[in-house]
N, C-alpha and C. Protein backbone atom coordinates (compact mmCIF):
# COMPACT_ATOMS: atom_id res chain seq x y z
N MET A 1 19.50 72.26 45.33
CA MET A 1 20.40 72.31 44.18
C MET A 1 20.12 73.59 43.39
N SER A 2 21.18 74.34 43.07
CA SER A 2 20.99 75.60 42.36
C SER A 2 20.87 75.37 40.87
N SER A 3 20.55 76.46 40.15
CA SER A 3 20.41 76.35 38.69
C SER A 3 21.73 75.99 38.03
N LYS A 4 22.85 76.44 38.62
CA LYS A 4 24.16 76.08 38.06
C LYS A 4 24.34 74.57 38.10
N ASP A 5 24.00 73.97 39.25
CA ASP A 5 24.12 72.52 39.40
C ASP A 5 23.20 71.80 38.41
N LEU A 6 22.00 72.35 38.24
CA LEU A 6 21.03 71.73 37.33
C LEU A 6 21.55 71.69 35.90
N ILE A 7 22.14 72.78 35.46
CA ILE A 7 22.65 72.84 34.08
C ILE A 7 23.78 71.84 33.88
N ILE A 8 24.73 71.79 34.82
CA ILE A 8 25.84 70.84 34.71
C ILE A 8 25.31 69.42 34.69
N LYS A 9 24.31 69.15 35.54
CA LYS A 9 23.71 67.81 35.60
C LYS A 9 23.02 67.47 34.27
N GLU A 10 22.31 68.45 33.70
CA GLU A 10 21.62 68.23 32.42
C GLU A 10 22.62 67.95 31.29
N ILE A 11 23.71 68.73 31.27
CA ILE A 11 24.73 68.52 30.23
C ILE A 11 25.32 67.13 30.37
N SER A 12 25.58 66.75 31.63
CA SER A 12 26.17 65.43 31.90
C SER A 12 25.24 64.30 31.46
N ASN A 13 23.93 64.50 31.60
CA ASN A 13 22.95 63.46 31.24
C ASN A 13 22.65 63.41 29.74
N SER A 14 23.14 64.39 29.01
CA SER A 14 22.85 64.43 27.58
C SER A 14 23.54 63.28 26.84
N PRO A 15 22.81 62.62 25.93
CA PRO A 15 23.42 61.53 25.15
C PRO A 15 24.47 62.05 24.16
N LEU A 16 24.51 63.37 23.94
CA LEU A 16 25.47 63.95 23.00
C LEU A 16 26.86 64.11 23.61
N VAL A 17 26.94 64.00 24.93
CA VAL A 17 28.23 64.19 25.61
C VAL A 17 28.98 62.86 25.68
N LYS A 18 30.24 62.90 25.25
CA LYS A 18 31.07 61.68 25.25
C LYS A 18 31.41 61.26 26.67
N LYS A 19 31.73 59.99 26.84
CA LYS A 19 31.97 59.40 28.16
C LYS A 19 33.08 60.12 28.92
N GLU A 20 34.20 60.44 28.24
CA GLU A 20 35.32 61.09 28.95
C GLU A 20 34.94 62.49 29.47
N TYR A 21 33.98 63.14 28.78
CA TYR A 21 33.53 64.46 29.23
C TYR A 21 32.57 64.34 30.41
N LYS A 22 31.87 63.21 30.50
CA LYS A 22 30.98 62.99 31.64
C LYS A 22 31.80 62.92 32.95
N VAL A 23 33.00 62.32 32.87
CA VAL A 23 33.89 62.27 34.04
C VAL A 23 34.29 63.68 34.45
N MET A 24 34.63 64.51 33.44
CA MET A 24 35.02 65.90 33.71
C MET A 24 33.85 66.68 34.31
N LEU A 25 32.66 66.49 33.75
CA LEU A 25 31.48 67.18 34.25
C LEU A 25 31.14 66.76 35.68
N ASN A 26 31.37 65.48 35.99
CA ASN A 26 31.15 64.98 37.35
C ASN A 26 32.10 65.66 38.32
N ASN A 27 33.36 65.82 37.90
CA ASN A 27 34.35 66.53 38.72
C ASN A 27 33.91 67.98 38.96
N ILE A 28 33.45 68.64 37.90
CA ILE A 28 32.97 70.03 38.00
C ILE A 28 31.79 70.09 38.96
N HIS A 29 30.84 69.18 38.77
CA HIS A 29 29.62 69.16 39.61
C HIS A 29 29.97 69.00 41.09
N ASN A 30 30.92 68.10 41.39
CA ASN A 30 31.30 67.85 42.78
C ASN A 30 32.03 69.04 43.41
N THR A 31 32.71 69.83 42.57
CA THR A 31 33.49 70.96 43.08
C THR A 31 32.70 72.27 43.07
N LEU A 32 31.54 72.27 42.41
CA LEU A 32 30.75 73.51 42.26
C LEU A 32 30.42 74.23 43.57
N PRO A 33 30.03 73.55 44.65
CA PRO A 33 29.73 74.30 45.87
C PRO A 33 30.90 75.17 46.34
N ALA A 34 32.11 74.61 46.30
CA ALA A 34 33.30 75.38 46.72
C ALA A 34 33.59 76.51 45.73
N ILE A 35 33.40 76.23 44.44
CA ILE A 35 33.63 77.24 43.41
C ILE A 35 32.66 78.40 43.60
N LYS A 36 31.39 78.07 43.83
CA LYS A 36 30.37 79.12 44.02
C LYS A 36 30.69 79.98 45.24
N GLN A 37 31.14 79.34 46.32
CA GLN A 37 31.48 80.08 47.54
C GLN A 37 32.63 81.04 47.27
N SER A 38 33.67 80.56 46.60
CA SER A 38 34.84 81.42 46.29
C SER A 38 34.47 82.51 45.28
N SER A 39 33.66 82.17 44.30
CA SER A 39 33.28 83.13 43.26
C SER A 39 32.51 84.30 43.82
N SER A 40 31.76 84.07 44.89
CA SER A 40 30.93 85.14 45.45
C SER A 40 31.76 86.33 45.91
N ASN A 41 33.06 86.12 46.14
CA ASN A 41 33.94 87.23 46.53
C ASN A 41 34.22 88.18 45.38
N PHE A 42 33.96 87.76 44.16
CA PHE A 42 34.37 88.54 43.00
C PHE A 42 33.21 89.07 42.16
N TYR A 43 31.98 88.99 42.67
CA TYR A 43 30.83 89.48 41.91
C TYR A 43 30.68 90.99 42.04
N LYS A 44 31.73 91.71 41.70
CA LYS A 44 31.69 93.17 41.63
C LYS A 44 32.75 93.61 40.65
N SER A 45 32.59 94.81 40.11
CA SER A 45 33.48 95.23 39.03
C SER A 45 34.89 95.55 39.49
N HIS A 46 35.06 96.02 40.74
CA HIS A 46 36.38 96.39 41.26
C HIS A 46 36.53 95.92 42.69
N SER A 47 37.78 95.75 43.10
CA SER A 47 38.06 95.49 44.51
C SER A 47 37.91 96.81 45.27
N GLN A 48 37.84 96.71 46.59
CA GLN A 48 37.76 97.93 47.40
C GLN A 48 39.03 98.76 47.23
N PHE A 49 40.17 98.10 47.10
CA PHE A 49 41.44 98.80 46.88
C PHE A 49 41.37 99.64 45.60
N MET A 50 40.89 99.02 44.51
CA MET A 50 40.78 99.77 43.24
C MET A 50 39.79 100.91 43.37
N GLY A 51 38.71 100.68 44.12
CA GLY A 51 37.72 101.73 44.32
C GLY A 51 38.33 102.97 44.94
N VAL A 52 39.19 102.75 45.94
CA VAL A 52 39.80 103.88 46.64
C VAL A 52 40.99 104.45 45.86
N MET A 53 41.84 103.57 45.35
CA MET A 53 43.09 104.03 44.74
C MET A 53 42.97 104.45 43.28
N LEU A 54 41.97 103.92 42.55
CA LEU A 54 41.86 104.24 41.13
C LEU A 54 40.57 104.97 40.76
N ASP A 55 39.45 104.53 41.32
CA ASP A 55 38.18 105.14 40.96
C ASP A 55 37.97 106.50 41.62
N VAL A 56 38.36 106.58 42.89
CA VAL A 56 38.16 107.83 43.64
C VAL A 56 39.53 108.32 44.09
N THR A 57 40.19 109.11 43.23
CA THR A 57 41.57 109.52 43.52
C THR A 57 41.72 111.03 43.59
N ALA A 58 40.69 111.72 44.03
CA ALA A 58 40.74 113.17 44.08
C ALA A 58 41.70 113.65 45.17
N ILE A 59 42.28 114.82 44.93
CA ILE A 59 43.26 115.38 45.86
C ILE A 59 42.59 115.95 47.10
N THR A 60 41.45 116.61 46.92
CA THR A 60 40.78 117.26 48.04
C THR A 60 39.65 116.39 48.57
N PRO A 61 39.35 116.51 49.88
CA PRO A 61 38.31 115.66 50.49
C PRO A 61 36.92 115.86 49.88
N ILE A 62 36.56 117.10 49.58
CA ILE A 62 35.22 117.34 49.04
C ILE A 62 35.11 116.75 47.63
N ARG A 63 36.19 116.83 46.84
CA ARG A 63 36.17 116.21 45.51
C ARG A 63 36.11 114.69 45.65
N SER A 64 36.75 114.14 46.68
CA SER A 64 36.65 112.69 46.94
C SER A 64 35.21 112.31 47.26
N ILE A 65 34.54 113.17 48.04
CA ILE A 65 33.13 112.92 48.35
C ILE A 65 32.30 112.94 47.07
N LYS A 66 32.58 113.90 46.19
CA LYS A 66 31.85 113.99 44.93
C LYS A 66 31.99 112.69 44.12
N HIS A 67 33.23 112.19 44.00
CA HIS A 67 33.45 110.96 43.25
C HIS A 67 32.82 109.75 43.94
N THR A 68 32.90 109.73 45.26
CA THR A 68 32.30 108.64 46.04
C THR A 68 30.78 108.61 45.84
N LEU A 69 30.17 109.78 45.91
CA LEU A 69 28.72 109.87 45.71
C LEU A 69 28.33 109.46 44.29
N ALA A 70 29.18 109.79 43.32
CA ALA A 70 28.91 109.38 41.93
C ALA A 70 28.94 107.86 41.81
N GLU A 71 29.89 107.21 42.48
CA GLU A 71 29.97 105.75 42.47
C GLU A 71 28.74 105.13 43.15
N ILE A 72 28.33 105.72 44.27
CA ILE A 72 27.14 105.23 44.98
C ILE A 72 25.91 105.36 44.09
N ASP A 73 25.78 106.52 43.46
CA ASP A 73 24.61 106.77 42.61
C ASP A 73 24.56 105.82 41.41
N LYS A 74 25.72 105.63 40.77
CA LYS A 74 25.79 104.73 39.61
C LYS A 74 25.43 103.30 40.02
N THR A 75 25.96 102.87 41.15
CA THR A 75 25.69 101.51 41.64
C THR A 75 24.23 101.37 42.05
N ARG A 76 23.69 102.39 42.69
CA ARG A 76 22.27 102.37 43.12
C ARG A 76 21.35 102.21 41.91
N MET A 77 21.62 102.97 40.84
CA MET A 77 20.78 102.88 39.64
C MET A 77 20.87 101.49 39.01
N ALA A 78 22.07 100.93 38.96
CA ALA A 78 22.25 99.58 38.41
C ALA A 78 21.52 98.55 39.27
N LEU A 79 21.58 98.75 40.58
CA LEU A 79 20.93 97.84 41.53
C LEU A 79 19.41 97.90 41.38
N GLU A 80 18.86 99.10 41.27
CA GLU A 80 17.42 99.25 41.08
C GLU A 80 16.96 98.61 39.78
N ASP A 81 17.74 98.84 38.71
CA ASP A 81 17.42 98.27 37.41
C ASP A 81 17.43 96.73 37.47
N ALA A 82 18.47 96.19 38.09
CA ALA A 82 18.58 94.73 38.22
C ALA A 82 17.43 94.17 39.06
N HIS A 83 17.07 94.87 40.13
CA HIS A 83 15.98 94.41 41.00
C HIS A 83 14.66 94.33 40.22
N LEU A 84 14.37 95.35 39.41
CA LEU A 84 13.13 95.34 38.63
C LEU A 84 13.12 94.23 37.59
N LYS A 85 14.27 94.00 36.96
CA LYS A 85 14.36 92.91 35.97
C LYS A 85 14.15 91.56 36.64
N VAL A 86 14.70 91.39 37.84
CA VAL A 86 14.54 90.14 38.58
C VAL A 86 13.07 89.93 38.95
N LYS A 87 12.40 91.01 39.37
CA LYS A 87 10.98 90.90 39.73
C LYS A 87 10.15 90.44 38.52
N LYS A 88 10.43 91.02 37.35
CA LYS A 88 9.70 90.64 36.13
C LYS A 88 9.97 89.18 35.77
N LYS A 89 11.25 88.78 35.88
CA LYS A 89 11.61 87.40 35.55
C LYS A 89 10.97 86.42 36.53
N ASP A 90 10.85 86.81 37.79
CA ASP A 90 10.22 85.96 38.79
C ASP A 90 8.74 85.74 38.45
N ILE A 91 8.07 86.79 38.01
CA ILE A 91 6.66 86.68 37.60
C ILE A 91 6.55 85.76 36.39
N GLU A 92 7.46 85.96 35.43
CA GLU A 92 7.46 85.13 34.22
C GLU A 92 7.71 83.66 34.59
N LEU A 93 8.61 83.42 35.53
CA LEU A 93 8.91 82.06 35.98
C LEU A 93 7.68 81.41 36.60
N ARG A 94 7.02 82.12 37.51
CA ARG A 94 5.83 81.56 38.17
C ARG A 94 4.71 81.31 37.17
N GLU A 95 4.59 82.19 36.19
CA GLU A 95 3.56 82.03 35.15
C GLU A 95 3.82 80.75 34.33
N LYS A 96 5.09 80.53 33.96
CA LYS A 96 5.44 79.34 33.17
C LYS A 96 5.27 78.07 34.00
N GLU A 97 5.66 78.12 35.27
CA GLU A 97 5.49 76.95 36.15
C GLU A 97 4.01 76.62 36.32
N HIS A 98 3.19 77.66 36.46
CA HIS A 98 1.74 77.46 36.59
C HIS A 98 1.17 76.81 35.32
N LYS A 99 1.60 77.32 34.17
CA LYS A 99 1.13 76.78 32.89
C LYS A 99 1.53 75.31 32.74
N LEU A 100 2.77 75.00 33.13
CA LEU A 100 3.26 73.62 33.03
C LEU A 100 2.42 72.67 33.89
N LYS A 101 2.00 73.13 35.07
CA LYS A 101 1.22 72.30 35.98
C LYS A 101 -0.24 72.18 35.58
N THR A 102 -0.80 73.23 35.00
CA THR A 102 -2.26 73.27 34.83
C THR A 102 -2.76 73.08 33.40
N ASP A 103 -1.92 73.37 32.41
CA ASP A 103 -2.38 73.27 31.01
C ASP A 103 -2.30 71.81 30.55
N LEU A 104 -3.46 71.17 30.48
CA LEU A 104 -3.51 69.75 30.13
C LEU A 104 -3.42 69.50 28.62
N GLU A 105 -3.48 70.57 27.84
CA GLU A 105 -3.45 70.42 26.38
C GLU A 105 -2.04 70.54 25.79
N LEU A 106 -1.05 70.70 26.65
CA LEU A 106 0.33 70.81 26.16
C LEU A 106 0.81 69.49 25.59
N THR A 107 1.47 69.55 24.45
CA THR A 107 2.08 68.34 23.88
C THR A 107 3.37 68.07 24.65
N SER A 108 3.95 66.91 24.44
CA SER A 108 5.20 66.57 25.15
C SER A 108 6.32 67.54 24.74
N PHE A 109 6.32 67.98 23.46
CA PHE A 109 7.33 68.94 23.02
C PHE A 109 7.12 70.31 23.67
N GLN A 110 5.87 70.71 23.78
CA GLN A 110 5.57 71.99 24.42
C GLN A 110 5.98 71.97 25.90
N LYS A 111 5.72 70.83 26.56
CA LYS A 111 6.12 70.68 27.96
C LYS A 111 7.65 70.76 28.10
N GLU A 112 8.34 70.05 27.20
CA GLU A 112 9.80 70.04 27.23
C GLU A 112 10.36 71.44 27.00
N LEU A 113 9.77 72.15 26.06
CA LEU A 113 10.20 73.52 25.77
C LEU A 113 9.94 74.42 26.97
N LEU A 114 8.79 74.27 27.58
CA LEU A 114 8.44 75.06 28.76
C LEU A 114 9.39 74.77 29.93
N GLU A 115 9.73 73.52 30.12
CA GLU A 115 10.68 73.14 31.17
C GLU A 115 12.05 73.77 30.93
N THR A 116 12.46 73.81 29.66
CA THR A 116 13.74 74.43 29.30
C THR A 116 13.70 75.94 29.52
N GLU A 117 12.57 76.56 29.17
CA GLU A 117 12.41 78.00 29.40
C GLU A 117 12.45 78.32 30.89
N ILE A 118 11.83 77.46 31.69
CA ILE A 118 11.85 77.63 33.16
C ILE A 118 13.28 77.54 33.67
N LEU A 119 14.01 76.56 33.20
CA LEU A 119 15.41 76.40 33.61
C LEU A 119 16.24 77.62 33.18
N GLU A 120 15.98 78.11 31.99
CA GLU A 120 16.70 79.29 31.48
C GLU A 120 16.46 80.51 32.39
N ILE A 121 15.22 80.69 32.81
CA ILE A 121 14.89 81.81 33.71
C ILE A 121 15.58 81.61 35.06
N GLN A 122 15.56 80.37 35.57
CA GLN A 122 16.20 80.09 36.86
C GLN A 122 17.70 80.40 36.82
N VAL A 123 18.35 80.04 35.73
CA VAL A 123 19.78 80.32 35.56
C VAL A 123 20.01 81.83 35.51
N GLY A 124 19.17 82.53 34.74
CA GLY A 124 19.29 83.98 34.64
C GLY A 124 19.09 84.66 35.99
N LEU A 125 18.11 84.19 36.76
CA LEU A 125 17.86 84.76 38.08
C LEU A 125 19.04 84.52 39.03
N ASN A 126 19.62 83.33 38.94
CA ASN A 126 20.77 83.00 39.77
C ASN A 126 21.95 83.93 39.44
N ASN A 127 22.21 84.12 38.15
CA ASN A 127 23.31 85.00 37.74
C ASN A 127 23.03 86.45 38.13
N SER A 128 21.78 86.87 38.01
CA SER A 128 21.40 88.23 38.41
C SER A 128 21.62 88.42 39.91
N GLN A 129 21.30 87.39 40.69
CA GLN A 129 21.46 87.50 42.14
C GLN A 129 22.92 87.68 42.51
N ASN A 130 23.82 87.03 41.78
CA ASN A 130 25.25 87.20 42.03
C ASN A 130 25.67 88.64 41.78
N SER A 131 25.19 89.22 40.68
CA SER A 131 25.52 90.62 40.35
C SER A 131 24.93 91.57 41.39
N ILE A 132 23.72 91.30 41.83
CA ILE A 132 23.07 92.14 42.84
C ILE A 132 23.86 92.09 44.15
N SER A 133 24.30 90.91 44.55
CA SER A 133 25.09 90.77 45.78
C SER A 133 26.38 91.58 45.70
N GLY A 134 27.05 91.51 44.55
CA GLY A 134 28.28 92.29 44.36
C GLY A 134 28.02 93.78 44.40
N ALA A 135 26.92 94.21 43.79
CA ALA A 135 26.57 95.64 43.77
C ALA A 135 26.25 96.14 45.18
N ILE A 136 25.58 95.31 45.97
CA ILE A 136 25.27 95.70 47.35
C ILE A 136 26.55 95.89 48.15
N ARG A 137 27.50 94.95 47.99
CA ARG A 137 28.77 95.08 48.71
C ARG A 137 29.54 96.33 48.26
N LYS A 138 29.53 96.60 46.95
CA LYS A 138 30.21 97.79 46.43
C LYS A 138 29.57 99.06 46.99
N MET A 139 28.25 99.11 46.98
CA MET A 139 27.54 100.29 47.46
C MET A 139 27.77 100.49 48.95
N ASN A 140 27.79 99.40 49.71
CA ASN A 140 28.06 99.48 51.14
C ASN A 140 29.47 100.02 51.40
N PHE A 141 30.43 99.54 50.62
CA PHE A 141 31.82 100.02 50.79
C PHE A 141 31.91 101.52 50.55
N PHE A 142 31.32 102.00 49.45
CA PHE A 142 31.40 103.43 49.14
C PHE A 142 30.58 104.27 50.13
N THR A 143 29.51 103.70 50.67
CA THR A 143 28.75 104.40 51.72
C THR A 143 29.61 104.60 52.95
N ASN A 144 30.34 103.55 53.35
CA ASN A 144 31.25 103.66 54.49
C ASN A 144 32.39 104.63 54.20
N GLN A 145 32.86 104.64 52.95
CA GLN A 145 33.91 105.58 52.53
C GLN A 145 33.42 107.02 52.68
N TYR A 146 32.19 107.26 52.22
CA TYR A 146 31.58 108.59 52.31
C TYR A 146 31.50 109.04 53.77
N LYS A 147 31.00 108.16 54.64
CA LYS A 147 30.87 108.50 56.05
C LYS A 147 32.24 108.76 56.69
N SER A 148 33.23 107.99 56.27
CA SER A 148 34.59 108.14 56.80
C SER A 148 35.19 109.50 56.42
N ILE A 149 34.98 109.93 55.18
CA ILE A 149 35.51 111.23 54.75
C ILE A 149 34.81 112.35 55.51
N LEU A 150 33.49 112.25 55.64
CA LEU A 150 32.74 113.27 56.39
C LEU A 150 33.23 113.33 57.85
N LYS A 151 33.46 112.16 58.44
CA LYS A 151 33.94 112.12 59.83
C LYS A 151 35.30 112.78 59.95
N LYS A 152 36.17 112.52 58.98
CA LYS A 152 37.51 113.12 58.97
C LYS A 152 37.41 114.65 58.87
N LEU A 153 36.44 115.13 58.10
CA LEU A 153 36.24 116.58 57.95
C LEU A 153 35.49 117.18 59.15
N GLY A 154 34.92 116.31 60.00
CA GLY A 154 34.14 116.78 61.14
C GLY A 154 32.80 117.36 60.72
N LYS A 155 32.23 116.80 59.65
CA LYS A 155 30.96 117.31 59.11
C LYS A 155 29.95 116.19 58.99
N GLU A 156 28.69 116.60 58.91
CA GLU A 156 27.61 115.64 58.66
C GLU A 156 27.18 115.67 57.21
N ASP A 157 27.52 116.74 56.52
CA ASP A 157 27.15 116.90 55.11
C ASP A 157 28.03 117.97 54.48
N ILE A 158 28.04 118.02 53.16
CA ILE A 158 28.78 119.05 52.42
C ILE A 158 27.77 119.89 51.64
N THR A 159 27.89 121.19 51.77
CA THR A 159 26.96 122.07 51.05
C THR A 159 27.51 122.37 49.66
N GLU A 160 26.64 122.84 48.80
CA GLU A 160 27.06 123.24 47.45
C GLU A 160 28.06 124.39 47.54
N GLU A 161 27.85 125.28 48.49
CA GLU A 161 28.76 126.42 48.67
C GLU A 161 30.18 125.93 49.01
N GLU A 162 30.28 124.94 49.91
CA GLU A 162 31.59 124.38 50.28
C GLU A 162 32.25 123.72 49.07
N TYR A 163 31.44 122.98 48.31
CA TYR A 163 31.96 122.33 47.11
C TYR A 163 32.53 123.36 46.13
N GLU A 164 31.75 124.41 45.85
CA GLU A 164 32.20 125.44 44.90
C GLU A 164 33.44 126.17 45.42
N LYS A 165 33.49 126.41 46.71
CA LYS A 165 34.62 127.12 47.31
C LYS A 165 35.91 126.31 47.17
N GLU A 166 35.80 124.99 47.30
CA GLU A 166 36.98 124.14 47.23
C GLU A 166 37.45 123.90 45.79
N GLU A 167 36.60 124.14 44.81
CA GLU A 167 36.93 123.88 43.41
C GLU A 167 38.21 124.57 42.96
N ALA A 168 38.41 125.83 43.36
CA ALA A 168 39.61 126.56 42.96
C ALA A 168 40.86 125.85 43.47
N SER A 169 40.85 125.47 44.74
CA SER A 169 42.00 124.75 45.32
C SER A 169 42.22 123.43 44.61
N TYR A 170 41.14 122.73 44.35
CA TYR A 170 41.23 121.43 43.68
C TYR A 170 41.92 121.57 42.33
N HIS A 171 41.50 122.55 41.53
CA HIS A 171 42.06 122.69 40.18
C HIS A 171 43.51 123.16 40.20
N VAL A 172 43.86 124.03 41.14
CA VAL A 172 45.26 124.46 41.25
C VAL A 172 46.13 123.25 41.64
N MET A 173 45.67 122.48 42.63
CA MET A 173 46.43 121.31 43.08
C MET A 173 46.54 120.25 41.99
N THR A 174 45.44 120.01 41.26
CA THR A 174 45.46 119.03 40.18
C THR A 174 46.40 119.47 39.07
N CYS A 175 46.35 120.74 38.72
CA CYS A 175 47.20 121.29 37.68
C CYS A 175 48.68 121.14 38.05
N MET A 176 49.00 121.46 39.29
CA MET A 176 50.40 121.36 39.74
C MET A 176 50.86 119.90 39.74
N LYS A 177 49.98 119.01 40.17
CA LYS A 177 50.31 117.57 40.18
C LYS A 177 50.60 117.08 38.77
N GLN A 178 49.73 117.43 37.83
CA GLN A 178 49.91 117.01 36.43
C GLN A 178 51.15 117.65 35.81
N ALA A 179 51.37 118.93 36.10
CA ALA A 179 52.54 119.63 35.56
C ALA A 179 53.83 119.01 36.07
N LEU A 180 53.84 118.65 37.36
CA LEU A 180 55.02 118.01 37.95
C LEU A 180 55.29 116.66 37.28
N SER A 181 54.24 115.88 37.07
CA SER A 181 54.39 114.59 36.38
C SER A 181 54.93 114.77 34.98
N ALA A 182 54.41 115.77 34.26
CA ALA A 182 54.87 116.04 32.89
C ALA A 182 56.33 116.49 32.91
N ALA A 183 56.69 117.36 33.85
CA ALA A 183 58.05 117.88 33.92
C ALA A 183 59.06 116.78 34.23
N ARG A 184 58.66 115.83 35.06
CA ARG A 184 59.56 114.71 35.39
C ARG A 184 59.89 113.87 34.17
N SER A 185 58.91 113.67 33.32
CA SER A 185 59.13 112.81 32.15
C SER A 185 59.68 113.57 30.94
N LYS A 186 59.74 114.91 31.00
CA LYS A 186 60.18 115.69 29.84
C LYS A 186 61.32 116.65 30.20
N ASN A 187 62.22 116.19 31.06
CA ASN A 187 63.40 116.98 31.43
C ASN A 187 63.06 118.39 31.91
N GLY A 188 62.08 118.51 32.78
CA GLY A 188 61.75 119.79 33.37
C GLY A 188 60.80 120.66 32.57
N THR A 189 60.29 120.15 31.46
CA THR A 189 59.38 120.93 30.61
C THR A 189 57.94 120.49 30.86
N ILE A 190 57.05 121.46 30.98
CA ILE A 190 55.63 121.18 31.14
C ILE A 190 55.01 121.08 29.74
N ASP A 191 54.19 120.07 29.52
CA ASP A 191 53.58 119.91 28.18
C ASP A 191 52.52 120.98 27.93
N GLU A 192 52.12 121.09 26.66
CA GLU A 192 51.22 122.17 26.25
C GLU A 192 49.87 122.11 26.96
N GLY A 193 49.31 120.92 27.14
CA GLY A 193 48.02 120.77 27.80
C GLY A 193 48.04 121.34 29.21
N ASN A 194 49.08 121.02 29.96
CA ASN A 194 49.19 121.53 31.33
C ASN A 194 49.50 123.01 31.37
N LEU A 195 50.25 123.50 30.35
CA LEU A 195 50.52 124.94 30.26
C LEU A 195 49.22 125.71 30.05
N ILE A 196 48.34 125.17 29.18
CA ILE A 196 47.04 125.80 28.95
C ILE A 196 46.20 125.76 30.23
N TYR A 197 46.25 124.62 30.93
CA TYR A 197 45.52 124.47 32.18
C TYR A 197 45.99 125.52 33.20
N LEU A 198 47.32 125.67 33.31
CA LEU A 198 47.87 126.68 34.22
C LEU A 198 47.41 128.09 33.85
């Protein structure tokens, strides 16, 4: 039984919860396994479609690689940070469980508080694991995207020289794209920002 199930069960067992809500909580509890399975598909900030069509929308392949690498790097740092937090919480959890088992001087209230703190850590760890799973899938997708762009270019890597060389083309193409969009919406007139860019 996961921490999500435990919390729903605890709420249901509470004397503060009215009878009609216990029926609802029972329904939630029985459906939770299916909900958790379906929810696991959405533990990431964007779909793969959004990643390609909105997050990484550069005109030139090398600029696409730059944006893809930025997404990989950002996700990697978040993943590392989450992993370290989970490790610390795991140590804290084991320490509290050890104290609960071995400290014979704990009062009943202290034990109850410690049990609640343990449950709180378990819930936090479960939620963190969902985020970590989503981040891994996102990072894997962008890694495959990176490899795909390199394969299309027939390269194993991009040098700084190639990146700098393509920058001029990228900015001319971006400027023309923006100017065309502005001209379409303003009866053939390019707005001031794009004129300055040109």
